[in-house]
Amino acid sequence: MSIAAPVQDNDGEYIQEINAPEGIRYAVLFTEAKGEKNDNPNEKQNHSLGCMVVRIHDLTDKITLSHNRFEIDLKHLIDDPLEIVKPYMSHRLKDFNYLEDTGHQLKLFVNETLSKSKLEYGISHGDIHHGNVHFGNDGSITLFDFDCFGYGWRAYDIAVYLWHQQLNRPASDKDDPKQKQWEDFLNGYSSMRQINPNELKAINAFVAIRDIWLMGMHFWSLERNRGCDWLSDGYFDFHMDFIKKWVQDHILL
């Protein structure tokens, strides 16, 4: 399995402190992620990526981490993000109330559908999509960006890929390759680990949940000097439309 790993400095440390104008910043150097980004992977690449996710899940089931990681649970995915975005949606109370109600219903659905058994819950990458993968001409895949990894449902790890596909799909469905790419990825995963029916049901719920999480993450970043010119009403329009349409199309509530 190929990943971009952190590199130690001459003192054996991984994290560097940088004195920036706004205060201390932290930096880590990683090995090269060989290959290239590809927003439209072919069948073999998507299938191989699905297989790679299974290997991550299988390998991490057999190890004990030396450092604690957070839970990618419903508090992390729904409650905390809603608390973060609430002050920024004071002028859109109807939309926020929808998010809050939808989040509550999705929590009930996941809790009724999934367990935290070892087969369904464990260490997960948390952010698997084409932006965090490089594909090599030799068929190799290098995965990076592990800052979201923690303990969560494996169905969520799978759903992040679907969410990314759907969020970036073209306005027209004509000749849209995204559905085929998702099927190839899912076939790859399923070829190495059987996905139970409840996990399959939960995947669609996790797509909407992921977008709620993303909104929270963006506004959390805003408070840490990321900038805000793009966090406009157009931003809210886009994500509210996506969540509402996804929930409606998949009869989640």
C-alpha atoms as a PDB file:
ATOM      1  CA  MET A   1       0.000   0.000   0.000  1.00  0.00           C
ATOM      2  CA  SER A   2       1.417   3.395  -1.000  1.00  0.00           C
ATOM      3  CA  ILE A   3       0.833   6.479   1.132  1.00  0.00           C
ATOM      4  CA  ALA A   4       2.522   9.859   1.493  1.00  0.00           C
ATOM      5  CA  ALA A   5       4.316   9.450   4.826  1.00  0.00           C
ATOM      6  CA  PRO A   6       5.661  12.196   7.126  1.00  0.00           C
ATOM      7  CA  VAL A   7       9.416  12.830   7.086  1.00  0.00           C
ATOM      8  CA  GLN A   8      11.523  13.294  10.225  1.00  0.00           C
ATOM      9  CA  ASP A   9      13.977  16.161  10.551  1.00  0.00           C
ATOM     10  CA  ASN A  10      17.573  15.725  11.757  1.00  0.00           C
ATOM     11  CA  ASP A  11      16.375  15.766  15.367  1.00  0.00           C
ATOM     12  CA  GLY A  12      13.823  13.033  14.776  1.00  0.00           C
ATOM     13  CA  GLU A  13      10.864  15.428  14.921  1.00  0.00           C
ATOM     14  CA  TYR A  14       7.963  15.499  12.470  1.00  0.00           C
ATOM     15  CA  ILE A  15       6.286  18.823  13.297  1.00  0.00           C
ATOM     16  CA  GLN A  16       7.963  22.157  12.596  1.00  0.00           C
ATOM     17  CA  GLU A  17       6.978  25.474  14.179  1.00  0.00           C
ATOM     18  CA  ILE A  18       6.919  28.519  11.907  1.00  0.00           C
ATOM     19  CA  ASN A  19       6.717  32.073  13.260  1.00  0.00           C
ATOM     20  CA  ALA A  20       4.063  33.596  10.997  1.00  0.00           C
ATOM     21  CA  PRO A  21       2.708  37.180  11.307  1.00  0.00           C
ATOM     22  CA  GLU A  22      -0.540  35.859  12.811  1.00  0.00           C
ATOM     23  CA  GLY A  23       1.258  33.589  15.272  1.00  0.00           C
ATOM     24  CA  ILE A  24       2.744  30.112  15.371  1.00  0.00           C
ATOM     25  CA  ARG A  25       1.965  27.876  12.402  1.00  0.00           C
ATOM     26  CA  TYR A  26       2.845  24.200  12.173  1.00  0.00           C
ATOM     27  CA  ALA A  27       4.247  22.368   9.154  1.00  0.00           C
ATOM     28  CA  VAL A  28       4.965  18.749   8.259  1.00  0.00           C
ATOM     29  CA  LEU A  29       6.958  17.527   5.254  1.00  0.00           C
ATOM     30  CA  PHE A  30       5.636  14.430   3.478  1.00  0.00           C
ATOM     31  CA  THR A  31       7.145  12.089   0.933  1.00  0.00           C
ATOM     32  CA  GLU A  32       6.120  12.572  -2.671  1.00  0.00           C
ATOM     33  CA  ALA A  33       2.712  11.219  -3.610  1.00  0.00           C
ATOM     34  CA  LYS A  34       3.759   9.672  -6.908  1.00  0.00           C
ATOM     35  CA  GLY A  35       1.414   9.809  -9.836  1.00  0.00           C
ATOM     36  CA  GLU A  36      -1.102  12.486 -10.714  1.00  0.00           C
ATOM     37  CA  LYS A  37      -4.532  13.673  -9.681  1.00  0.00           C
ATOM     38  CA  ASN A  38      -7.295  12.376 -11.931  1.00  0.00           C
ATOM     39  CA  ASP A  39     -10.853  13.670 -11.599  1.00  0.00           C
ATOM     40  CA  ASN A  40     -12.122  11.009 -13.998  1.00  0.00           C
ATOM     41  CA  PRO A  41     -10.400   7.725 -13.122  1.00  0.00           C
ATOM     42  CA  ASN A  42     -11.047   4.754 -15.350  1.00  0.00           C
ATOM     43  CA  GLU A  43     -12.742   1.531 -14.298  1.00  0.00           C
ATOM     44  CA  LYS A  44      -9.540  -0.157 -13.157  1.00  0.00           C
ATOM     45  CA  GLN A  45      -8.416   2.847 -11.114  1.00  0.00           C
ATOM     46  CA  ASN A  46     -11.744   3.196  -9.326  1.00  0.00           C
ATOM     47  CA  HIS A  47     -11.898  -0.537  -8.667  1.00  0.00           C
ATOM     48  CA  SER A  48      -8.351  -0.494  -7.290  1.00  0.00           C
ATOM     49  CA  LEU A  49      -9.136   2.462  -5.047  1.00  0.00           C
ATOM     50  CA  GLY A  50     -12.117   0.593  -3.606  1.00  0.00           C
ATOM     51  CA  CYS A  51      -9.837  -2.372  -2.887  1.00  0.00           C
ATOM     52  CA  MET A  52      -7.306  -0.074  -1.235  1.00  0.00           C
ATOM     53  CA  VAL A  53      -9.934   1.245   1.184  1.00  0.00           C
ATOM     54  CA  VAL A  54     -10.673  -2.324   2.276  1.00  0.00           C
ATOM     55  CA  ARG A  55      -6.978  -2.923   2.899  1.00  0.00           C
ATOM     56  CA  ILE A  56      -6.870   0.168   5.103  1.00  0.00           C
ATOM     57  CA  HIS A  57      -9.853  -1.083   7.080  1.00  0.00           C
ATOM     58  CA  ASP A  58      -8.431  -4.594   7.403  1.00  0.00           C
ATOM     59  CA  LEU A  59      -4.927  -3.495   8.376  1.00  0.00           C
ATOM     60  CA  THR A  60      -6.061  -0.952  10.942  1.00  0.00           C
ATOM     61  CA  ASP A  61      -8.277  -3.561  12.600  1.00  0.00           C
ATOM     62  CA  LYS A  62      -5.070  -5.418  13.466  1.00  0.00           C
ATOM     63  CA  ILE A  63      -3.115  -2.570  15.048  1.00  0.00           C
ATOM     64  CA  THR A  64      -3.281  -0.501  18.209  1.00  0.00           C
ATOM     65  CA  LEU A  65      -2.578   3.197  17.746  1.00  0.00           C
ATOM     66  CA  SER A  66       0.016   4.789  19.994  1.00  0.00           C
ATOM     67  CA  HIS A  67      -1.923   8.071  19.955  1.00  0.00           C
ATOM     68  CA  ASN A  68      -5.628   8.602  20.479  1.00  0.00           C
ATOM     69  CA  ARG A  69      -7.732   9.773  17.556  1.00  0.00           C
ATOM     70  CA  PHE A  70     -11.168  11.354  17.643  1.00  0.00           C
ATOM     71  CA  GLU A  71     -14.419   9.557  16.937  1.00  0.00           C
ATOM     72  CA  ILE A  72     -16.019  10.245  13.567  1.00  0.00           C
ATOM     73  CA  ASP A  73     -19.361   9.817  15.285  1.00  0.00           C
ATOM     74  CA  LEU A  74     -22.646  11.683  14.930  1.00  0.00           C
ATOM     75  CA  LYS A  75     -21.559  14.389  17.343  1.00  0.00           C
ATOM     76  CA  HIS A  76     -18.520  15.055  15.170  1.00  0.00           C
ATOM     77  CA  LEU A  77     -20.467  14.800  11.906  1.00  0.00           C
ATOM     78  CA  ILE A  78     -23.717  16.592  12.805  1.00  0.00           C
ATOM     79  CA  ASP A  79     -23.944  18.184  16.261  1.00  0.00           C
ATOM     80  CA  ASP A  80     -20.632  20.038  16.246  1.00  0.00           C
ATOM     81  CA  PRO A  81     -20.974  21.345  12.649  1.00  0.00           C
ATOM     82  CA  LEU A  82     -24.485  22.661  13.334  1.00  0.00           C
ATOM     83  CA  GLU A  83     -23.233  24.474  16.418  1.00  0.00           C
ATOM     84  CA  ILE A  84     -20.447  26.050  14.356  1.00  0.00           C
ATOM     85  CA  VAL A  85     -22.592  27.259  11.429  1.00  0.00           C
ATOM     86  CA  LYS A  86     -25.517  28.507  13.528  1.00  0.00           C
ATOM     87  CA  PRO A  87     -24.162  32.057  14.115  1.00  0.00           C
ATOM     88  CA  TYR A  88     -23.460  32.429  10.401  1.00  0.00           C
ATOM     89  CA  MET A  89     -27.017  31.479   9.413  1.00  0.00           C
ATOM     90  CA  SER A  90     -28.871  33.956  11.624  1.00  0.00           C
ATOM     91  CA  HIS A  91     -30.179  35.601   8.437  1.00  0.00           C
ATOM     92  CA  ARG A  92     -31.311  32.215   7.093  1.00  0.00           C
ATOM     93  CA  LEU A  93     -33.187  30.750  10.034  1.00  0.00           C
ATOM     94  CA  LYS A  94     -35.496  28.711   7.814  1.00  0.00           C
ATOM     95  CA  ASP A  95     -32.513  26.992   6.236  1.00  0.00           C
ATOM     96  CA  PHE A  96     -30.810  26.443   9.579  1.00  0.00           C
ATOM     97  CA  ASN A  97     -33.988  24.979  11.066  1.00  0.00           C
ATOM     98  CA  TYR A  98     -34.145  22.616   8.102  1.00  0.00           C
ATOM     99  CA  LEU A  99     -30.533  21.558   8.665  1.00  0.00           C
ATOM    100  CA  GLU A 100     -31.154  21.041  12.366  1.00  0.00           C
ATOM    101  CA  ASP A 101     -34.291  18.973  11.794  1.00  0.00           C
ATOM    102  CA  THR A 102     -32.686  16.984   8.974  1.00  0.00           C
ATOM    103  CA  GLY A 103     -29.608  16.346  11.082  1.00  0.00           C
ATOM    104  CA  HIS A 104     -31.779  15.036  13.916  1.00  0.00           C
ATOM    105  CA  GLN A 105     -33.668  12.699  11.579  1.00  0.00           C
ATOM    106  CA  LEU A 106     -30.449  11.442   9.988  1.00  0.00           C
ATOM    107  CA  LYS A 107     -28.994  10.723  13.430  1.00  0.00           C
ATOM    108  CA  LEU A 108     -32.027   8.627  14.296  1.00  0.00           C
ATOM    109  CA  PHE A 109     -31.727   6.775  10.996  1.00  0.00           C
ATOM    110  CA  VAL A 110     -28.037   5.949  11.445  1.00  0.00           C
ATOM    111  CA  ASN A 111     -28.485   4.896  15.075  1.00  0.00           C
ATOM    112  CA  GLU A 112     -31.327   2.585  14.079  1.00  0.00           C
ATOM    113  CA  THR A 113     -29.459   1.189  11.068  1.00  0.00           C
ATOM    114  CA  LEU A 114     -25.843   0.703  12.171  1.00  0.00           C
ATOM    115  CA  SER A 115     -23.987  -0.577  15.186  1.00  0.00           C
ATOM    116  CA  LYS A 116     -20.470   0.103  16.423  1.00  0.00           C
ATOM    117  CA  SER A 117     -19.418  -3.500  16.056  1.00  0.00           C
ATOM    118  CA  LYS A 118     -15.900  -4.175  14.819  1.00  0.00           C
ATOM    119  CA  LEU A 119     -17.283  -5.243  11.454  1.00  0.00           C
ATOM    120  CA  GLU A 120     -18.964  -1.883  10.868  1.00  0.00           C
ATOM    121  CA  TYR A 121     -16.877   0.579  12.901  1.00  0.00           C
ATOM    122  CA  GLY A 122     -13.156   1.176  13.172  1.00  0.00           C
ATOM    123  CA  ILE A 123     -10.245   3.302  11.990  1.00  0.00           C
ATOM    124  CA  SER A 124     -11.193   5.159   8.823  1.00  0.00           C
ATOM    125  CA  HIS A 125      -9.395   7.578   6.508  1.00  0.00           C
ATOM    126  CA  GLY A 126     -12.342   9.969   6.649  1.00  0.00           C
ATOM    127  CA  ASP A 127     -11.641  11.884   3.438  1.00  0.00           C
ATOM    128  CA  ILE A 128     -11.242   9.504   0.502  1.00  0.00           C
ATOM    129  CA  HIS A 129     -11.889  11.166  -2.837  1.00  0.00           C
ATOM    130  CA  HIS A 130     -10.012  11.999  -6.028  1.00  0.00           C
ATOM    131  CA  GLY A 131      -8.457  15.111  -4.506  1.00  0.00           C
ATOM    132  CA  ASN A 132      -6.545  13.003  -1.988  1.00  0.00           C
ATOM    133  CA  VAL A 133      -5.304  10.301  -4.354  1.00  0.00           C
ATOM    134  CA  HIS A 134      -2.634  10.198  -7.045  1.00  0.00           C
ATOM    135  CA  PHE A 135      -2.813   7.562  -9.765  1.00  0.00           C
ATOM    136  CA  GLY A 136       0.380   6.281 -11.401  1.00  0.00           C
ATOM    137  CA  ASN A 137       0.745   5.160 -15.016  1.00  0.00           C
ATOM    138  CA  ASP A 138       1.828   1.765 -13.699  1.00  0.00           C
ATOM    139  CA  GLY A 139      -1.514   1.239 -11.942  1.00  0.00           C
ATOM    140  CA  SER A 140      -0.230   2.342  -8.539  1.00  0.00           C
ATOM    141  CA  ILE A 141      -2.299   4.451  -6.154  1.00  0.00           C
ATOM    142  CA  THR A 142      -0.871   6.776  -3.510  1.00  0.00           C
ATOM    143  CA  LEU A 143      -3.170   8.031  -0.772  1.00  0.00           C
ATOM    144  CA  PHE A 144      -2.545  11.123   1.336  1.00  0.00           C
ATOM    145  CA  ASP A 145      -4.242  13.732   3.569  1.00  0.00           C
ATOM    146  CA  PHE A 146      -4.858  11.740   6.741  1.00  0.00           C
ATOM    147  CA  ASP A 147      -5.839  14.681   8.944  1.00  0.00           C
ATOM    148  CA  CYS A 148      -9.477  13.498   9.038  1.00  0.00           C
ATOM    149  CA  PHE A 149      -8.720   9.917  10.021  1.00  0.00           C
ATOM    150  CA  GLY A 150     -10.255   8.553  13.205  1.00  0.00           C
ATOM    151  CA  TYR A 151     -12.661   5.931  14.511  1.00  0.00           C
ATOM    152  CA  GLY A 152     -15.866   5.813  12.507  1.00  0.00           C
ATOM    153  CA  TRP A 153     -18.327   3.788  10.506  1.00  0.00           C
ATOM    154  CA  ARG A 154     -16.808   2.163   7.446  1.00  0.00           C
ATOM    155  CA  ALA A 155     -19.998   3.025   5.571  1.00  0.00           C
ATOM    156  CA  TYR A 156     -19.121   6.698   6.093  1.00  0.00           C
ATOM    157  CA  ASP A 157     -15.648   6.152   4.650  1.00  0.00           C
ATOM    158  CA  ILE A 158     -17.265   4.645   1.555  1.00  0.00           C
ATOM    159  CA  ALA A 159     -19.926   7.364   1.384  1.00  0.00           C
ATOM    160  CA  VAL A 160     -17.366  10.176   1.241  1.00  0.00           C
ATOM    161  CA  TYR A 161     -16.352   8.943  -2.209  1.00  0.00           C
ATOM    162  CA  LEU A 162     -19.984   8.967  -3.386  1.00  0.00           C
ATOM    163  CA  TRP A 163     -20.551  12.413  -1.857  1.00  0.00           C
ATOM    164  CA  HIS A 164     -17.569  13.830  -3.735  1.00  0.00           C
ATOM    165  CA  GLN A 165     -18.814  12.307  -6.979  1.00  0.00           C
ATOM    166  CA  GLN A 166     -22.300  13.744  -6.580  1.00  0.00           C
ATOM    167  CA  LEU A 167     -21.232  17.159  -5.312  1.00  0.00           C
ATOM    168  CA  ASN A 168     -19.096  17.643  -8.414  1.00  0.00           C
ATOM    169  CA  ARG A 169     -21.343  16.068 -11.008  1.00  0.00           C
ATOM    170  CA  PRO A 170     -22.389  18.132 -14.045  1.00  0.00           C
ATOM    171  CA  ALA A 171     -25.753  19.863 -14.123  1.00  0.00           C
ATOM    172  CA  SER A 172     -26.889  17.510 -16.881  1.00  0.00           C
ATOM    173  CA  ASP A 173     -27.002  13.758 -16.372  1.00  0.00           C
ATOM    174  CA  LYS A 174     -26.262  13.153 -20.050  1.00  0.00           C
ATOM    175  CA  ASP A 175     -23.135  11.040 -20.444  1.00  0.00           C
ATOM    176  CA  ASP A 176     -22.296  11.642 -16.776  1.00  0.00           C
ATOM    177  CA  PRO A 177     -19.450   9.260 -15.848  1.00  0.00           C
ATOM    178  CA  LYS A 178     -19.851   9.793 -12.097  1.00  0.00           C
ATOM    179  CA  GLN A 179     -22.371   6.993 -11.512  1.00  0.00           C
ATOM    180  CA  LYS A 180     -20.187   4.482 -13.347  1.00  0.00           C
ATOM    181  CA  GLN A 181     -17.147   5.605 -11.360  1.00  0.00           C
ATOM    182  CA  TRP A 182     -19.055   5.084  -8.116  1.00  0.00           C
ATOM    183  CA  GLU A 183     -20.172   1.616  -9.192  1.00  0.00           C
ATOM    184  CA  ASP A 184     -16.593   0.654 -10.091  1.00  0.00           C
ATOM    185  CA  PHE A 185     -15.331   1.895  -6.707  1.00  0.00           C
ATOM    186  CA  LEU A 186     -18.085   0.053  -4.837  1.00  0.00           C
ATOM    187  CA  ASN A 187     -17.457  -3.125  -6.837  1.00  0.00           C
ATOM    188  CA  GLY A 188     -13.786  -2.940  -5.891  1.00  0.00           C
ATOM    189  CA  TYR A 189     -14.602  -2.555  -2.214  1.00  0.00           C
ATOM    190  CA  SER A 190     -17.240  -5.303  -2.316  1.00  0.00           C
ATOM    191  CA  SER A 191     -14.843  -7.702  -4.036  1.00  0.00           C
ATOM    192  CA  MET A 192     -12.737  -7.792  -0.863  1.00  0.00           C
ATOM    193  CA  ARG A 193     -15.229  -7.089   1.902  1.00  0.00           C
ATOM    194  CA  GLN A 194     -18.932  -7.822   1.910  1.00  0.00           C
ATOM    195  CA  ILE A 195     -21.007  -4.735   2.631  1.00  0.00           C
ATOM    196  CA  ASN A 196     -24.067  -5.688   4.636  1.00  0.00           C
ATOM    197  CA  PRO A 197     -27.534  -4.367   3.663  1.00  0.00           C
ATOM    198  CA  ASN A 198     -27.688  -1.910   6.551  1.00  0.00           C
ATOM    199  CA  GLU A 199     -24.376  -0.366   5.530  1.00  0.00           C
ATOM    200  CA  LEU A 200     -25.652   0.065   1.979  1.00  0.00           C
ATOM    201  CA  LYS A 201     -28.756   1.821   3.312  1.00  0.00           C
ATOM    202  CA  ALA A 202     -26.655   4.087   5.507  1.00  0.00           C
ATOM    203  CA  ILE A 203     -24.336   5.192   2.699  1.00  0.00           C
ATOM    204  CA  ASN A 204     -26.969   7.510   1.211  1.00  0.00           C
ATOM    205  CA  ALA A 205     -27.629   9.050   4.628  1.00  0.00           C
ATOM    206  CA  PHE A 206     -23.928   9.639   5.129  1.00  0.00           C
ATOM    207  CA  VAL A 207     -23.741  11.596   1.854  1.00  0.00           C
ATOM    208  CA  ALA A 208     -26.077  14.248   3.292  1.00  0.00           C
ATOM    209  CA  ILE A 209     -24.340  14.051   6.668  1.00  0.00           C
ATOM    210  CA  ARG A 210     -20.965  14.606   5.010  1.00  0.00           C
ATOM    211  CA  ASP A 211     -22.176  17.850   3.479  1.00  0.00           C
ATOM    212  CA  ILE A 212     -23.385  19.094   6.873  1.00  0.00           C
ATOM    213  CA  TRP A 213     -19.949  18.245   8.253  1.00  0.00           C
ATOM    214  CA  LEU A 214     -18.256  20.091   5.390  1.00  0.00           C
ATOM    215  CA  MET A 215     -20.164  23.289   6.120  1.00  0.00           C
ATOM    216  CA  GLY A 216     -19.084  23.109   9.746  1.00  0.00           C
ATOM    217  CA  MET A 217     -15.479  22.479   8.746  1.00  0.00           C
ATOM    218  CA  HIS A 218     -15.455  25.469   6.398  1.00  0.00           C
ATOM    219  CA  PHE A 219     -16.726  27.863   9.061  1.00  0.00           C
ATOM    220  CA  TRP A 220     -14.430  26.343  11.654  1.00  0.00           C
ATOM    221  CA  SER A 221     -11.574  27.138   9.266  1.00  0.00           C
ATOM    222  CA  LEU A 222     -12.906  30.672   8.821  1.00  0.00           C
ATOM    223  CA  GLU A 223     -12.261  31.309  12.506  1.00  0.00           C
ATOM    224  CA  ARG A 224      -8.634  30.281  11.921  1.00  0.00           C
ATOM    225  CA  ASN A 225      -7.721  32.872   9.298  1.00  0.00           C
ATOM    226  CA  ARG A 226      -8.673  30.916   6.208  1.00  0.00           C
ATOM    227  CA  GLY A 227     -10.599  33.844   4.719  1.00  0.00           C
ATOM    228  CA  CYS A 228     -14.292  34.296   4.067  1.00  0.00           C
ATOM    229  CA  ASP A 229     -14.922  35.953   0.701  1.00  0.00           C
ATOM    230  CA  TRP A 230     -16.287  32.687  -0.723  1.00  0.00           C
ATOM    231  CA  LEU A 231     -18.541  31.899   2.260  1.00  0.00           C
ATOM    232  CA  SER A 232     -21.434  33.871   0.808  1.00  0.00           C
ATOM    233  CA  ASP A 233     -25.151  33.346   0.316  1.00  0.00           C
ATOM    234  CA  GLY A 234     -24.207  31.600  -2.906  1.00  0.00           C
ATOM    235  CA  TYR A 235     -22.290  29.081  -0.797  1.00  0.00           C
ATOM    236  CA  PHE A 236     -25.336  28.443   1.383  1.00  0.00           C
ATOM    237  CA  ASP A 237     -27.620  28.221  -1.663  1.00  0.00           C
ATOM    238  CA  PHE A 238     -25.403  25.574  -3.244  1.00  0.00           C
ATOM    239  CA  HIS A 239     -25.118  23.341  -0.182  1.00  0.00           C
ATOM    240  CA  MET A 240     -28.742  23.721   0.914  1.00  0.00           C
ATOM    241  CA  ASP A 241     -29.890  22.777  -2.592  1.00  0.00           C
ATOM    242  CA  PHE A 242     -27.554  19.781  -2.628  1.00  0.00           C
ATOM    243  CA  ILE A 243     -28.702  18.445   0.755  1.00  0.00           C
ATOM    244  CA  LYS A 244     -32.406  19.012   0.085  1.00  0.00           C
ATOM    245  CA  LYS A 245     -32.269  17.363  -3.336  1.00  0.00           C
ATOM    246  CA  TRP A 246     -30.223  14.417  -2.067  1.00  0.00           C
ATOM    247  CA  VAL A 247     -32.559  13.780   0.862  1.00  0.00           C
ATOM    248  CA  GLN A 248     -35.620  14.093  -1.374  1.00  0.00           C
ATOM    249  CA  ASP A 249     -34.280  11.915  -4.197  1.00  0.00           C
ATOM    250  CA  HIS A 250     -33.265   9.134  -1.822  1.00  0.00           C
ATOM    251  CA  ILE A 251     -36.355   9.311   0.396  1.00  0.00           C
ATOM    252  CA  LEU A 252     -34.184   9.454   3.483  1.00  0.00           C
ATOM    253  CA  LEU A 253     -36.743  11.121   5.756  1.00  0.00           C
END
